[in-house]
Amino acid sequence: ASRIRKGNAPAIMTSIRHLCMNLFEHESSSLRLS
């Protein structure tokens, strides 16, 4: 993590946030179908 540049931190946090949102939506839709 120390190798990550400060300039890249926002982009990484954004991508992680999108991944979490996608996983959350996928889980929600799966629960809804079952």
N, C-alpha and C. Protein backbone atom coordinates (compact mmCIF):
# COMPACT_ATOMS: atom_id res chain seq x y z
N ALA A 1 0.84 -1.21 0.00
CA ALA A 1 0.00 0.00 0.00
C ALA A 1 0.87 1.25 0.00
N SER A 2 2.06 1.14 0.59
CA SER A 2 2.94 2.30 0.68
C SER A 2 3.45 2.71 -0.70
N ARG A 3 3.42 1.76 -1.65
CA ARG A 3 3.91 2.07 -2.99
C ARG A 3 2.91 2.91 -3.78
N ILE A 4 1.65 2.91 -3.33
CA ILE A 4 0.61 3.66 -4.03
C ILE A 4 0.86 5.16 -3.89
N ARG A 5 0.83 5.86 -5.02
CA ARG A 5 1.04 7.31 -4.98
C ARG A 5 -0.22 8.00 -4.47
N LYS A 6 -0.03 9.14 -3.83
CA LYS A 6 -1.18 9.88 -3.29
C LYS A 6 -2.15 10.26 -4.41
N GLY A 7 -1.61 10.51 -5.61
CA GLY A 7 -2.46 10.90 -6.74
C GLY A 7 -3.36 9.76 -7.19
N ASN A 8 -2.93 8.51 -6.94
CA ASN A 8 -3.72 7.37 -7.38
C ASN A 8 -4.75 6.94 -6.33
N ALA A 9 -4.58 7.40 -5.11
CA ALA A 9 -5.48 6.99 -4.03
C ALA A 9 -6.96 7.25 -4.35
N PRO A 10 -7.34 8.45 -4.79
CA PRO A 10 -8.76 8.73 -5.08
C PRO A 10 -9.32 7.78 -6.13
N ALA A 11 -8.56 7.51 -7.17
CA ALA A 11 -9.03 6.61 -8.24
C ALA A 11 -9.23 5.20 -7.70
N ILE A 12 -8.31 4.76 -6.84
CA ILE A 12 -8.40 3.41 -6.27
C ILE A 12 -9.62 3.32 -5.36
N MET A 13 -9.82 4.34 -4.54
CA MET A 13 -10.98 4.34 -3.64
C MET A 13 -12.27 4.33 -4.43
N THR A 14 -12.29 5.08 -5.55
CA THR A 14 -13.48 5.12 -6.39
C THR A 14 -13.75 3.76 -7.00
N SER A 15 -12.71 3.11 -7.52
CA SER A 15 -12.89 1.80 -8.14
C SER A 15 -13.35 0.78 -7.11
N ILE A 16 -12.78 0.84 -5.90
CA ILE A 16 -13.19 -0.09 -4.83
C ILE A 16 -14.65 0.17 -4.47
N ARG A 17 -15.02 1.44 -4.43
CA ARG A 17 -16.40 1.79 -4.08
C ARG A 17 -17.36 1.22 -5.13
N HIS A 18 -16.98 1.35 -6.42
CA HIS A 18 -17.83 0.81 -7.48
C HIS A 18 -17.94 -0.70 -7.37
N LEU A 19 -16.83 -1.36 -7.05
CA LEU A 19 -16.86 -2.82 -6.91
C LEU A 19 -17.79 -3.22 -5.77
N CYS A 20 -17.70 -2.51 -4.65
CA CYS A 20 -18.55 -2.82 -3.50
C CYS A 20 -20.02 -2.61 -3.85
N MET A 21 -20.31 -1.52 -4.57
CA MET A 21 -21.69 -1.24 -4.95
C MET A 21 -22.21 -2.31 -5.88
N ASN A 22 -21.38 -2.75 -6.83
CA ASN A 22 -21.79 -3.80 -7.77
C ASN A 22 -22.07 -5.10 -7.03
N LEU A 23 -21.20 -5.45 -6.09
CA LEU A 23 -21.39 -6.68 -5.32
C LEU A 23 -22.66 -6.58 -4.48
N PHE A 24 -22.87 -5.42 -3.87
CA PHE A 24 -24.05 -5.22 -3.03
C PHE A 24 -25.32 -5.36 -3.86
N GLU A 25 -25.33 -4.73 -5.05
CA GLU A 25 -26.51 -4.80 -5.91
C GLU A 25 -26.73 -6.23 -6.38
N HIS A 26 -25.65 -6.94 -6.67
CA HIS A 26 -25.78 -8.33 -7.13
C HIS A 26 -26.36 -9.20 -6.03
N GLU A 27 -25.87 -9.01 -4.81
CA GLU A 27 -26.37 -9.79 -3.67
C GLU A 27 -27.84 -9.46 -3.41
N SER A 28 -28.19 -8.19 -3.51
CA SER A 28 -29.57 -7.77 -3.26
C SER A 28 -30.50 -8.40 -4.28
N SER A 29 -30.11 -8.40 -5.56
CA SER A 29 -30.96 -8.97 -6.60
C SER A 29 -31.08 -10.48 -6.40
N SER A 30 -30.01 -11.12 -5.95
CA SER A 30 -30.04 -12.57 -5.72
C SER A 30 -31.00 -12.89 -4.57
N LEU A 31 -30.94 -12.08 -3.52
CA LEU A 31 -31.82 -12.31 -2.37
C LEU A 31 -33.27 -12.07 -2.78
N ARG A 32 -33.47 -11.09 -3.66
CA ARG A 32 -34.81 -10.75 -4.10
C ARG A 32 -35.42 -11.91 -4.90
N LEU A 33 -34.58 -12.55 -5.73
CA LEU A 33 -35.07 -13.63 -6.58
C LEU A 33 -35.38 -14.87 -5.76
N SER A 34 -34.56 -15.16 -4.75
CA SER A 34 -34.76 -16.39 -3.97
C SER A 34 -35.98 -16.29 -3.06
